[in-house]
Amino acid sequence: MFQEPKEEANTMRAKKLLDHLFEINGNDDVGLASAYYLARINHKHLEEPDLESARLGYRYLYETYPGRFFGELAFLKFILVELYEGDSKDGLEKRLMELEQRGEKLTIPEMRRGFHRSMGEAYRVFELSDEKAYIHLKAAYDIEAPVPETQTELMLSVAELAEAMGHIDVAISAMEDFLRAAKWDDRKESVALRLAGLRTRSR
């Protein structure tokens, strides 16, 4: 339905079309998709991103349409704006706590997985808490993915944190899942060696 515009003129035409689609379709999936892509254009497809408009657009969607696909997807993008756009890291922990509270309301499994993964990665990237990173990444890992091959980085992150925190059974399980899913990954040999060591330690 939507192709990323390559030039600013195309971008503005796309914005006008999407705005019209949202206006005439209201609450149906076409309207929600249009509102979502309007926010995405403001976020990622302008020469000078309009982050405040993107933020407001995402927030409108997830607050107005809870439980709907594009409402929950918008919340995941809202997280990115809140945590990674802008130079200031002031109040970061408070923002994370607020996002955690809001994210608990998500109902669609893949959105819950994305939420926990984003939260866990943020706690690691900003070096705030390995424990909270583990809690979130483990929660994401526990939500079954239809295509496990897309979750290999998550599996390794969970394995690394679980091993560091002494949760050896979880680390072993995550490494086993990685070896099953990542058939052509160059890291398979090193992970297999680590797994053998953990199995020896757990006996």
N, C-alpha and C. Protein backbone atom coordinates (compact mmCIF):
# COMPACT_ATOMS: atom_id res chain seq x y z
N MET A 1 0.82 -1.21 0.00
CA MET A 1 0.00 0.00 0.00
C MET A 1 0.85 1.26 0.00
N PHE A 2 1.99 1.18 0.68
CA PHE A 2 2.78 2.40 0.89
C PHE A 2 4.20 2.18 0.40
N GLN A 3 4.69 3.10 -0.43
CA GLN A 3 6.07 3.05 -0.88
C GLN A 3 6.78 4.28 -0.34
N GLU A 4 7.97 4.05 0.24
CA GLU A 4 8.70 5.16 0.81
C GLU A 4 9.07 6.17 -0.29
N PRO A 5 8.66 7.41 -0.18
CA PRO A 5 8.99 8.40 -1.19
C PRO A 5 10.47 8.71 -1.18
N LYS A 6 11.03 8.93 -2.37
CA LYS A 6 12.46 9.17 -2.49
C LYS A 6 12.80 10.65 -2.48
N GLU A 7 11.87 11.51 -2.77
CA GLU A 7 12.13 12.94 -2.85
C GLU A 7 11.10 13.67 -2.01
N GLU A 8 11.47 14.89 -1.61
CA GLU A 8 10.59 15.67 -0.74
C GLU A 8 9.24 15.94 -1.40
N ALA A 9 9.22 16.20 -2.71
CA ALA A 9 7.95 16.47 -3.39
C ALA A 9 7.04 15.25 -3.33
N ASN A 10 7.61 14.08 -3.56
CA ASN A 10 6.83 12.85 -3.46
C ASN A 10 6.33 12.63 -2.04
N THR A 11 7.16 12.99 -1.09
CA THR A 11 6.78 12.85 0.32
C THR A 11 5.56 13.69 0.64
N MET A 12 5.55 14.92 0.17
CA MET A 12 4.43 15.81 0.47
C MET A 12 3.15 15.33 -0.22
N ARG A 13 3.29 14.77 -1.43
CA ARG A 13 2.11 14.22 -2.10
C ARG A 13 1.57 13.01 -1.33
N ALA A 14 2.49 12.19 -0.83
CA ALA A 14 2.08 11.03 -0.05
C ALA A 14 1.37 11.47 1.23
N LYS A 15 1.89 12.50 1.87
CA LYS A 15 1.26 13.00 3.10
C LYS A 15 -0.17 13.48 2.83
N LYS A 16 -0.33 14.19 1.72
CA LYS A 16 -1.66 14.71 1.38
C LYS A 16 -2.64 13.57 1.13
N LEU A 17 -2.19 12.54 0.40
CA LEU A 17 -3.05 11.40 0.12
C LEU A 17 -3.42 10.65 1.40
N LEU A 18 -2.43 10.40 2.25
CA LEU A 18 -2.69 9.66 3.48
C LEU A 18 -3.60 10.43 4.42
N ASP A 19 -3.41 11.73 4.46
CA ASP A 19 -4.28 12.57 5.29
C ASP A 19 -5.73 12.46 4.82
N HIS A 20 -5.91 12.46 3.50
CA HIS A 20 -7.26 12.33 2.93
C HIS A 20 -7.86 10.96 3.24
N LEU A 21 -7.05 9.91 3.11
CA LEU A 21 -7.53 8.56 3.39
C LEU A 21 -7.96 8.41 4.84
N PHE A 22 -7.20 9.00 5.75
CA PHE A 22 -7.56 8.92 7.16
C PHE A 22 -8.85 9.69 7.43
N GLU A 23 -8.99 10.83 6.76
CA GLU A 23 -10.18 11.66 6.97
C GLU A 23 -11.45 10.95 6.53
N ILE A 24 -11.39 10.22 5.42
CA ILE A 24 -12.62 9.61 4.89
C ILE A 24 -12.86 8.20 5.41
N ASN A 25 -11.81 7.56 5.96
CA ASN A 25 -11.99 6.17 6.40
C ASN A 25 -12.11 6.02 7.92
N GLY A 26 -11.73 7.04 8.64
CA GLY A 26 -11.95 7.04 10.08
C GLY A 26 -11.36 5.86 10.81
N ASN A 27 -12.23 5.01 11.36
CA ASN A 27 -11.79 3.96 12.26
C ASN A 27 -11.45 2.64 11.59
N ASP A 28 -11.56 2.53 10.27
CA ASP A 28 -11.25 1.24 9.67
C ASP A 28 -9.75 1.08 9.46
N ASP A 29 -9.34 -0.11 9.00
CA ASP A 29 -7.92 -0.41 8.90
C ASP A 29 -7.20 0.50 7.92
N VAL A 30 -7.88 0.90 6.84
CA VAL A 30 -7.26 1.81 5.88
C VAL A 30 -6.97 3.15 6.54
N GLY A 31 -7.92 3.64 7.30
CA GLY A 31 -7.72 4.91 7.99
C GLY A 31 -6.61 4.85 9.01
N LEU A 32 -6.56 3.78 9.79
CA LEU A 32 -5.51 3.65 10.80
C LEU A 32 -4.14 3.48 10.16
N ALA A 33 -4.08 2.71 9.07
CA ALA A 33 -2.81 2.57 8.35
C ALA A 33 -2.35 3.92 7.81
N SER A 34 -3.28 4.71 7.30
CA SER A 34 -2.94 6.03 6.77
C SER A 34 -2.38 6.93 7.87
N ALA A 35 -3.03 6.92 9.04
CA ALA A 35 -2.55 7.74 10.15
C ALA A 35 -1.18 7.28 10.61
N TYR A 36 -0.97 5.97 10.63
CA TYR A 36 0.34 5.44 11.03
C TYR A 36 1.43 5.88 10.07
N TYR A 37 1.17 5.76 8.76
CA TYR A 37 2.20 6.13 7.79
C TYR A 37 2.43 7.63 7.72
N LEU A 38 1.42 8.41 8.07
CA LEU A 38 1.64 9.85 8.20
C LEU A 38 2.67 10.13 9.29
N ALA A 39 2.51 9.45 10.42
CA ALA A 39 3.48 9.62 11.51
C ALA A 39 4.86 9.14 11.08
N ARG A 40 4.91 8.03 10.33
CA ARG A 40 6.20 7.51 9.87
C ARG A 40 6.89 8.49 8.92
N ILE A 41 6.12 9.13 8.06
CA ILE A 41 6.72 10.13 7.17
C ILE A 41 7.35 11.24 7.98
N ASN A 42 6.62 11.75 8.96
CA ASN A 42 7.16 12.81 9.81
C ASN A 42 8.40 12.35 10.57
N HIS A 43 8.42 11.08 10.92
CA HIS A 43 9.51 10.52 11.72
C HIS A 43 10.76 10.24 10.88
N LYS A 44 10.56 9.64 9.69
CA LYS A 44 11.71 9.08 8.97
C LYS A 44 11.90 9.53 7.53
N HIS A 45 10.92 10.18 6.92
CA HIS A 45 11.00 10.38 5.48
C HIS A 45 11.00 11.84 5.04
N LEU A 46 11.26 12.73 5.95
CA LEU A 46 11.43 14.14 5.59
C LEU A 46 12.91 14.49 5.65
N GLU A 47 13.32 15.46 4.83
CA GLU A 47 14.71 15.90 4.89
C GLU A 47 15.06 16.39 6.29
N GLU A 48 14.11 17.08 6.92
CA GLU A 48 14.25 17.47 8.32
C GLU A 48 13.07 16.85 9.08
N PRO A 49 13.29 15.74 9.76
CA PRO A 49 12.18 15.05 10.44
C PRO A 49 11.41 15.96 11.39
N ASP A 50 10.11 15.81 11.38
CA ASP A 50 9.23 16.55 12.29
C ASP A 50 8.91 15.61 13.45
N LEU A 51 9.83 15.54 14.41
CA LEU A 51 9.72 14.55 15.47
C LEU A 51 8.53 14.79 16.39
N GLU A 52 8.21 16.05 16.63
CA GLU A 52 7.09 16.32 17.52
C GLU A 52 5.77 15.88 16.87
N SER A 53 5.61 16.14 15.57
CA SER A 53 4.41 15.67 14.88
C SER A 53 4.35 14.15 14.86
N ALA A 54 5.50 13.52 14.64
CA ALA A 54 5.54 12.05 14.66
C ALA A 54 5.16 11.53 16.04
N ARG A 55 5.71 12.13 17.06
CA ARG A 55 5.43 11.71 18.43
C ARG A 55 3.93 11.83 18.73
N LEU A 56 3.35 12.97 18.37
CA LEU A 56 1.93 13.18 18.61
C LEU A 56 1.07 12.21 17.80
N GLY A 57 1.49 11.94 16.56
CA GLY A 57 0.75 11.00 15.72
C GLY A 57 0.75 9.60 16.28
N TYR A 58 1.93 9.13 16.70
CA TYR A 58 2.02 7.80 17.31
C TYR A 58 1.18 7.74 18.59
N ARG A 59 1.31 8.79 19.40
CA ARG A 59 0.60 8.79 20.68
C ARG A 59 -0.92 8.79 20.46
N TYR A 60 -1.37 9.57 19.51
CA TYR A 60 -2.80 9.60 19.19
C TYR A 60 -3.30 8.20 18.84
N LEU A 61 -2.54 7.50 18.01
CA LEU A 61 -2.98 6.18 17.56
C LEU A 61 -3.07 5.18 18.70
N TYR A 62 -2.01 5.11 19.53
CA TYR A 62 -2.07 4.07 20.55
C TYR A 62 -3.01 4.42 21.69
N GLU A 63 -3.26 5.71 21.92
CA GLU A 63 -4.21 6.08 22.97
C GLU A 63 -5.65 5.98 22.50
N THR A 64 -5.88 6.22 21.21
CA THR A 64 -7.24 6.23 20.67
C THR A 64 -7.69 4.85 20.21
N TYR A 65 -6.74 4.01 19.79
CA TYR A 65 -7.09 2.70 19.24
C TYR A 65 -6.34 1.58 19.95
N PRO A 66 -6.52 1.44 21.27
CA PRO A 66 -5.84 0.35 21.99
C PRO A 66 -6.33 -1.01 21.50
N GLY A 67 -5.41 -1.94 21.40
CA GLY A 67 -5.78 -3.28 20.95
C GLY A 67 -5.85 -3.44 19.45
N ARG A 68 -5.77 -2.35 18.70
CA ARG A 68 -5.77 -2.43 17.23
C ARG A 68 -4.33 -2.53 16.74
N PHE A 69 -4.13 -3.21 15.61
CA PHE A 69 -2.78 -3.46 15.11
C PHE A 69 -1.97 -2.18 14.97
N PHE A 70 -2.50 -1.20 14.25
CA PHE A 70 -1.72 0.01 14.02
C PHE A 70 -1.61 0.88 15.27
N GLY A 71 -2.56 0.75 16.19
CA GLY A 71 -2.43 1.45 17.46
C GLY A 71 -1.26 0.92 18.26
N GLU A 72 -1.14 -0.41 18.33
CA GLU A 72 -0.05 -0.99 19.11
C GLU A 72 1.29 -0.86 18.39
N LEU A 73 1.29 -0.95 17.06
CA LEU A 73 2.52 -0.73 16.30
C LEU A 73 3.02 0.69 16.50
N ALA A 74 2.10 1.64 16.54
CA ALA A 74 2.48 3.04 16.76
C ALA A 74 3.16 3.21 18.11
N PHE A 75 2.73 2.44 19.11
CA PHE A 75 3.38 2.55 20.42
C PHE A 75 4.84 2.12 20.35
N LEU A 76 5.15 1.09 19.57
CA LEU A 76 6.54 0.66 19.43
C LEU A 76 7.39 1.76 18.79
N LYS A 77 6.82 2.48 17.83
CA LYS A 77 7.56 3.59 17.21
C LYS A 77 7.66 4.78 18.16
N PHE A 78 6.63 4.97 18.97
CA PHE A 78 6.65 6.03 19.98
C PHE A 78 7.82 5.80 20.94
N ILE A 79 8.07 4.55 21.29
CA ILE A 79 9.21 4.22 22.15
C ILE A 79 10.51 4.73 21.54
N LEU A 80 10.69 4.51 20.25
CA LEU A 80 11.93 4.92 19.58
C LEU A 80 12.11 6.43 19.63
N VAL A 81 11.02 7.16 19.40
CA VAL A 81 11.10 8.63 19.47
C VAL A 81 11.45 9.07 20.88
N GLU A 82 10.79 8.49 21.87
CA GLU A 82 10.99 8.88 23.26
C GLU A 82 12.41 8.60 23.74
N LEU A 83 13.01 7.51 23.29
CA LEU A 83 14.30 7.09 23.84
C LEU A 83 15.50 7.50 23.01
N TYR A 84 15.35 7.56 21.70
CA TYR A 84 16.54 7.70 20.86
C TYR A 84 16.61 8.99 20.04
N GLU A 85 15.51 9.71 19.92
CA GLU A 85 15.54 10.95 19.15
C GLU A 85 15.81 12.12 20.09
N GLY A 86 16.70 12.98 19.69
CA GLY A 86 17.08 14.10 20.56
C GLY A 86 18.37 13.78 21.29
N ASP A 87 19.02 14.83 21.77
CA ASP A 87 20.34 14.68 22.39
C ASP A 87 20.28 14.46 23.89
N SER A 88 19.22 14.90 24.52
CA SER A 88 19.17 14.88 25.98
C SER A 88 18.80 13.50 26.50
N LYS A 89 19.56 13.04 27.49
CA LYS A 89 19.24 11.79 28.18
C LYS A 89 18.68 12.08 29.57
N ASP A 90 18.37 13.35 29.83
CA ASP A 90 17.78 13.72 31.12
C ASP A 90 16.43 13.02 31.29
N GLY A 91 16.21 12.50 32.47
CA GLY A 91 14.92 11.87 32.75
C GLY A 91 14.71 10.55 32.03
N LEU A 92 15.79 9.93 31.56
CA LEU A 92 15.66 8.70 30.77
C LEU A 92 15.02 7.57 31.57
N GLU A 93 15.46 7.39 32.80
CA GLU A 93 14.91 6.30 33.61
C GLU A 93 13.42 6.51 33.88
N LYS A 94 13.03 7.76 34.11
CA LYS A 94 11.61 8.06 34.32
C LYS A 94 10.81 7.74 33.07
N ARG A 95 11.36 8.10 31.89
CA ARG A 95 10.67 7.80 30.64
C ARG A 95 10.52 6.29 30.44
N LEU A 96 11.57 5.56 30.79
CA LEU A 96 11.50 4.11 30.66
C LEU A 96 10.41 3.52 31.56
N MET A 97 10.32 4.01 32.77
CA MET A 97 9.30 3.53 33.69
C MET A 97 7.90 3.83 33.17
N GLU A 98 7.72 5.03 32.61
CA GLU A 98 6.41 5.38 32.06
C GLU A 98 6.06 4.51 30.86
N LEU A 99 7.05 4.25 30.01
CA LEU A 99 6.82 3.39 28.85
C LEU A 99 6.50 1.96 29.28
N GLU A 100 7.16 1.50 30.33
CA GLU A 100 6.88 0.16 30.84
C GLU A 100 5.43 0.04 31.29
N GLN A 101 4.95 1.04 31.99
CA GLN A 101 3.56 1.02 32.47
C GLN A 101 2.58 0.99 31.29
N ARG A 102 2.85 1.82 30.28
CA ARG A 102 1.96 1.85 29.12
C ARG A 102 2.03 0.55 28.33
N GLY A 103 3.23 0.01 28.21
CA GLY A 103 3.42 -1.19 27.40
C GLY A 103 2.73 -2.42 27.95
N GLU A 104 2.48 -2.44 29.25
CA GLU A 104 1.79 -3.59 29.84
C GLU A 104 0.36 -3.72 29.33
N LYS A 105 -0.16 -2.67 28.69
CA LYS A 105 -1.53 -2.71 28.18
C LYS A 105 -1.62 -3.34 26.78
N LEU A 106 -0.48 -3.60 26.16
CA LEU A 106 -0.49 -4.19 24.82
C LEU A 106 -1.07 -5.60 24.88
N THR A 107 -1.80 -5.98 23.84
CA THR A 107 -2.47 -7.28 23.83
C THR A 107 -2.03 -8.20 22.70
N ILE A 108 -1.51 -7.66 21.61
CA ILE A 108 -1.11 -8.47 20.46
C ILE A 108 0.26 -9.08 20.73
N PRO A 109 0.41 -10.41 20.66
CA PRO A 109 1.66 -11.05 21.06
C PRO A 109 2.91 -10.47 20.39
N GLU A 110 2.88 -10.27 19.07
CA GLU A 110 4.08 -9.75 18.41
C GLU A 110 4.41 -8.33 18.85
N MET A 111 3.39 -7.56 19.23
CA MET A 111 3.65 -6.21 19.73
C MET A 111 4.21 -6.27 21.15
N ARG A 112 3.71 -7.20 21.95
CA ARG A 112 4.27 -7.38 23.29
C ARG A 112 5.73 -7.83 23.20
N ARG A 113 6.02 -8.72 22.24
CA ARG A 113 7.40 -9.14 22.06
C ARG A 113 8.28 -7.95 21.67
N GLY A 114 7.79 -7.14 20.73
CA GLY A 114 8.55 -5.97 20.31
C GLY A 114 8.75 -4.97 21.43
N PHE A 115 7.72 -4.79 22.24
CA PHE A 115 7.81 -3.88 23.38
C PHE A 115 8.89 -4.34 24.36
N HIS A 116 8.83 -5.60 24.77
CA HIS A 116 9.82 -6.10 25.73
C HIS A 116 11.23 -6.07 25.15
N ARG A 117 11.33 -6.36 23.86
CA ARG A 117 12.66 -6.32 23.24
C ARG A 117 13.21 -4.90 23.22
N SER A 118 12.38 -3.94 22.88
CA SER A 118 12.82 -2.54 22.85
C SER A 118 13.24 -2.06 24.24
N MET A 119 12.45 -2.43 25.25
CA MET A 119 12.78 -2.04 26.62
C MET A 119 14.09 -2.68 27.07
N GLY A 120 14.23 -3.97 26.81
CA GLY A 120 15.44 -4.66 27.22
C GLY A 120 16.68 -4.10 26.55
N GLU A 121 16.57 -3.84 25.26
CA GLU A 121 17.72 -3.28 24.54
C GLU A 121 18.06 -1.89 25.04
N ALA A 122 17.05 -1.11 25.42
CA ALA A 122 17.30 0.23 25.95
C ALA A 122 18.06 0.17 27.26
N TYR A 123 17.66 -0.73 28.14
CA TYR A 123 18.37 -0.87 29.42
C TYR A 123 19.82 -1.28 29.20
N ARG A 124 20.10 -2.02 28.14
CA ARG A 124 21.48 -2.40 27.83
C ARG A 124 22.25 -1.27 27.15
N VAL A 125 21.63 -0.67 26.15
CA VAL A 125 22.31 0.39 25.38
C VAL A 125 22.72 1.54 26.29
N PHE A 126 21.83 1.93 27.19
CA PHE A 126 22.11 3.06 28.07
C PHE A 126 22.79 2.63 29.37
N GLU A 127 23.12 1.33 29.47
CA GLU A 127 23.86 0.78 30.61
C GLU A 127 23.20 1.15 31.94
N LEU A 128 21.90 0.91 32.01
CA LEU A 128 21.14 1.27 33.20
C LEU A 128 20.93 0.09 34.14
N SER A 129 20.62 -1.08 33.59
CA SER A 129 20.35 -2.23 34.46
C SER A 129 20.34 -3.51 33.65
N ASP A 130 21.34 -4.37 33.88
CA ASP A 130 21.34 -5.67 33.22
C ASP A 130 20.18 -6.53 33.71
N GLU A 131 19.81 -6.36 34.98
CA GLU A 131 18.70 -7.15 35.52
C GLU A 131 17.39 -6.83 34.81
N LYS A 132 17.10 -5.53 34.64
CA LYS A 132 15.87 -5.15 33.94
C LYS A 132 15.95 -5.52 32.46
N ALA A 133 17.15 -5.39 31.89
CA ALA A 133 17.31 -5.81 30.50
C ALA A 133 16.97 -7.29 30.35
N TYR A 134 17.46 -8.09 31.29
CA TYR A 134 17.19 -9.53 31.24
C TYR A 134 15.71 -9.83 31.40
N ILE A 135 15.06 -9.17 32.33
CA ILE A 135 13.63 -9.40 32.56
C ILE A 135 12.83 -9.15 31.28
N HIS A 136 13.13 -8.03 30.62
CA HIS A 136 12.39 -7.70 29.41
C HIS A 136 12.75 -8.62 28.24
N LEU A 137 14.04 -8.87 28.04
CA LEU A 137 14.44 -9.70 26.91
C LEU A 137 13.97 -11.14 27.10
N LYS A 138 13.98 -11.62 28.33
CA LYS A 138 13.46 -12.97 28.61
C LYS A 138 11.95 -13.02 28.32
N ALA A 139 11.23 -11.95 28.68
CA ALA A 139 9.79 -11.90 28.40
C ALA A 139 9.55 -11.93 26.89
N ALA A 140 10.37 -11.20 26.12
CA ALA A 140 10.25 -11.22 24.66
C ALA A 140 10.55 -12.61 24.11
N TYR A 141 11.58 -13.23 24.64
CA TYR A 141 12.00 -14.57 24.21
C TYR A 141 10.91 -15.61 24.48
N ASP A 142 10.18 -15.44 25.57
CA ASP A 142 9.15 -16.40 25.96
C ASP A 142 7.89 -16.32 25.10
N ILE A 143 7.74 -15.24 24.34
CA ILE A 143 6.59 -15.12 23.44
C ILE A 143 6.97 -15.76 22.10
N GLU A 144 6.32 -16.85 21.77
CA GLU A 144 6.70 -17.63 20.60
C GLU A 144 6.60 -16.81 19.32
N ALA A 145 7.65 -16.89 18.51
CA ALA A 145 7.69 -16.19 17.23
C ALA A 145 7.35 -17.17 16.11
N PRO A 146 6.52 -16.76 15.13
CA PRO A 146 6.18 -17.67 14.03
C PRO A 146 7.38 -18.03 13.16
N VAL A 147 8.37 -17.13 13.12
CA VAL A 147 9.59 -17.40 12.34
C VAL A 147 10.78 -17.25 13.29
N PRO A 148 11.21 -18.34 13.94
CA PRO A 148 12.30 -18.25 14.92
C PRO A 148 13.59 -17.65 14.36
N GLU A 149 13.80 -17.82 13.05
CA GLU A 149 15.03 -17.30 12.45
C GLU A 149 15.18 -15.79 12.61
N THR A 150 14.06 -15.09 12.83
CA THR A 150 14.12 -13.64 13.01
C THR A 150 14.49 -13.24 14.43
N GLN A 151 14.62 -14.21 15.32
CA GLN A 151 14.84 -13.92 16.74
C GLN A 151 16.23 -14.35 17.22
N THR A 152 17.15 -14.60 16.30
CA THR A 152 18.45 -15.14 16.72
C THR A 152 19.24 -14.17 17.59
N GLU A 153 19.21 -12.89 17.27
CA GLU A 153 19.93 -11.92 18.10
C GLU A 153 19.34 -11.87 19.51
N LEU A 154 18.02 -11.96 19.59
CA LEU A 154 17.35 -11.99 20.89
C LEU A 154 17.79 -13.22 21.67
N MET A 155 17.85 -14.36 21.02
CA MET A 155 18.27 -15.59 21.70
C MET A 155 19.67 -15.44 22.30
N LEU A 156 20.59 -14.86 21.53
CA LEU A 156 21.95 -14.69 22.03
C LEU A 156 22.01 -13.68 23.17
N SER A 157 21.23 -12.62 23.09
CA SER A 157 21.20 -11.63 24.17
C SER A 157 20.69 -12.26 25.46
N VAL A 158 19.62 -13.05 25.34
CA VAL A 158 19.07 -13.73 26.52
C VAL A 158 20.09 -14.72 27.08
N ALA A 159 20.75 -15.46 26.20
CA ALA A 159 21.74 -16.43 26.66
C ALA A 159 22.88 -15.74 27.40
N GLU A 160 23.37 -14.63 26.85
CA GLU A 160 24.48 -13.91 27.48
C GLU A 160 24.10 -13.38 28.86
N LEU A 161 22.94 -12.73 28.95
CA LEU A 161 22.52 -12.18 30.22
C LEU A 161 22.18 -13.28 31.22
N ALA A 162 21.52 -14.32 30.76
CA ALA A 162 21.16 -15.42 31.66
C ALA A 162 22.41 -16.08 32.23
N GLU A 163 23.41 -16.29 31.40
CA GLU A 163 24.66 -16.89 31.88
C GLU A 163 25.33 -15.99 32.91
N ALA A 164 25.38 -14.69 32.62
CA ALA A 164 26.02 -13.75 33.54
C ALA A 164 25.30 -13.68 34.88
N MET A 165 23.99 -13.88 34.87
CA MET A 165 23.20 -13.77 36.09
C MET A 165 22.97 -15.11 36.77
N GLY A 166 23.58 -16.16 36.23
CA GLY A 166 23.50 -17.46 36.88
C GLY A 166 22.29 -18.30 36.53
N HIS A 167 21.53 -17.88 35.53
CA HIS A 167 20.36 -18.66 35.10
C HIS A 167 20.80 -19.62 33.98
N ILE A 168 21.54 -20.64 34.38
CA ILE A 168 22.20 -21.50 33.41
C ILE A 168 21.21 -22.26 32.54
N ASP A 169 20.12 -22.73 33.12
CA ASP A 169 19.13 -23.48 32.33
C ASP A 169 18.54 -22.61 31.21
N VAL A 170 18.29 -21.34 31.53
CA VAL A 170 17.75 -20.42 30.51
C VAL A 170 18.80 -20.18 29.42
N ALA A 171 20.06 -19.99 29.83
CA ALA A 171 21.13 -19.77 28.86
C ALA A 171 21.26 -20.96 27.93
N ILE A 172 21.20 -22.17 28.49
CA ILE A 172 21.30 -23.38 27.67
C ILE A 172 20.14 -23.46 26.68
N SER A 173 18.93 -23.20 27.16
CA SER A 173 17.75 -23.26 26.29
C SER A 173 17.85 -22.25 25.15
N ALA A 174 18.29 -21.02 25.46
CA ALA A 174 18.39 -19.98 24.43
C ALA A 174 19.45 -20.34 23.39
N MET A 175 20.58 -20.92 23.85
CA MET A 175 21.62 -21.32 22.90
C MET A 175 21.15 -22.48 22.03
N GLU A 176 20.43 -23.41 22.62
CA GLU A 176 19.89 -24.52 21.82
C GLU A 176 18.92 -24.01 20.76
N ASP A 177 18.08 -23.06 21.15
CA ASP A 177 17.15 -22.47 20.18
C ASP A 177 17.92 -21.76 19.07
N PHE A 178 18.99 -21.05 19.44
CA PHE A 178 19.80 -20.36 18.43
C PHE A 178 20.38 -21.36 17.43
N LEU A 179 20.94 -22.45 17.92
CA LEU A 179 21.57 -23.42 17.03
C LEU A 179 20.55 -24.07 16.09
N ARG A 180 19.32 -24.23 16.56
CA ARG A 180 18.27 -24.77 15.69
C ARG A 180 17.84 -23.76 14.63
N ALA A 181 17.80 -22.49 15.01
CA ALA A 181 17.25 -21.46 14.12
C ALA A 181 18.27 -20.89 13.15
N ALA A 182 19.52 -20.74 13.60
CA ALA A 182 20.54 -20.03 12.82
C ALA A 182 21.39 -21.02 12.04
N LYS A 183 20.81 -21.63 11.05
CA LYS A 183 21.49 -22.72 10.35
C LYS A 183 22.75 -22.27 9.62
N TRP A 184 22.77 -21.03 9.13
CA TRP A 184 23.91 -20.58 8.33
C TRP A 184 24.69 -19.47 9.03
N ASP A 185 24.49 -19.29 10.31
CA ASP A 185 25.15 -18.21 11.05
C ASP A 185 26.60 -18.59 11.36
N ASP A 186 27.52 -17.65 11.11
CA ASP A 186 28.94 -17.90 11.35
C ASP A 186 29.27 -18.12 12.82
N ARG A 187 28.35 -17.74 13.70
CA ARG A 187 28.62 -17.87 15.14
C ARG A 187 28.22 -19.22 15.70
N LYS A 188 27.72 -20.11 14.88
CA LYS A 188 27.23 -21.40 15.38
C LYS A 188 28.31 -22.18 16.11
N GLU A 189 29.50 -22.21 15.58
CA GLU A 189 30.57 -23.01 16.19
C GLU A 189 30.92 -22.49 17.59
N SER A 190 31.08 -21.16 17.70
CA SER A 190 31.43 -20.60 19.01
C SER A 190 30.30 -20.78 20.01
N VAL A 191 29.06 -20.66 19.55
CA VAL A 191 27.92 -20.86 20.45
C VAL A 191 27.85 -22.32 20.89
N ALA A 192 28.12 -23.24 19.98
CA ALA A 192 28.11 -24.66 20.34
C ALA A 192 29.16 -24.97 21.39
N LEU A 193 30.32 -24.34 21.30
CA LEU A 193 31.37 -24.54 22.30
C LEU A 193 30.94 -23.99 23.66
N ARG A 194 30.34 -22.80 23.65
CA ARG A 194 29.84 -22.23 24.90
C ARG A 194 28.76 -23.12 25.51
N LEU A 195 27.89 -23.63 24.66
CA LEU A 195 26.81 -24.49 25.13
C LEU A 195 27.37 -25.76 25.78
N ALA A 196 28.38 -26.35 25.16
CA ALA A 196 28.99 -27.55 25.73
C ALA A 196 29.58 -27.25 27.11
N GLY A 197 30.21 -26.09 27.24
CA GLY A 197 30.76 -25.71 28.54
C GLY A 197 29.68 -25.53 29.59
N LEU A 198 28.58 -24.91 29.21
CA LEU A 198 27.48 -24.70 30.16
C LEU A 198 26.85 -26.03 30.57
N ARG A 199 26.70 -26.93 29.64
CA ARG A 199 26.13 -28.24 29.97
C ARG A 199 27.02 -28.97 30.97
N THR A 200 28.33 -28.84 30.79
CA THR A 200 29.26 -29.47 31.73
C THR A 200 29.11 -28.86 33.12
N ARG A 201 29.01 -27.53 33.17
CA ARG A 201 28.87 -26.84 34.46
C ARG A 201 27.57 -27.18 35.16
N SER A 202 26.52 -27.45 34.39
CA SER A 202 25.19 -27.66 34.99
C SER A 202 24.98 -29.08 35.50
N ARG A 203 25.91 -29.97 35.22
CA ARG A 203 25.74 -31.36 35.66
C ARG A 203 25.99 -31.49 37.17
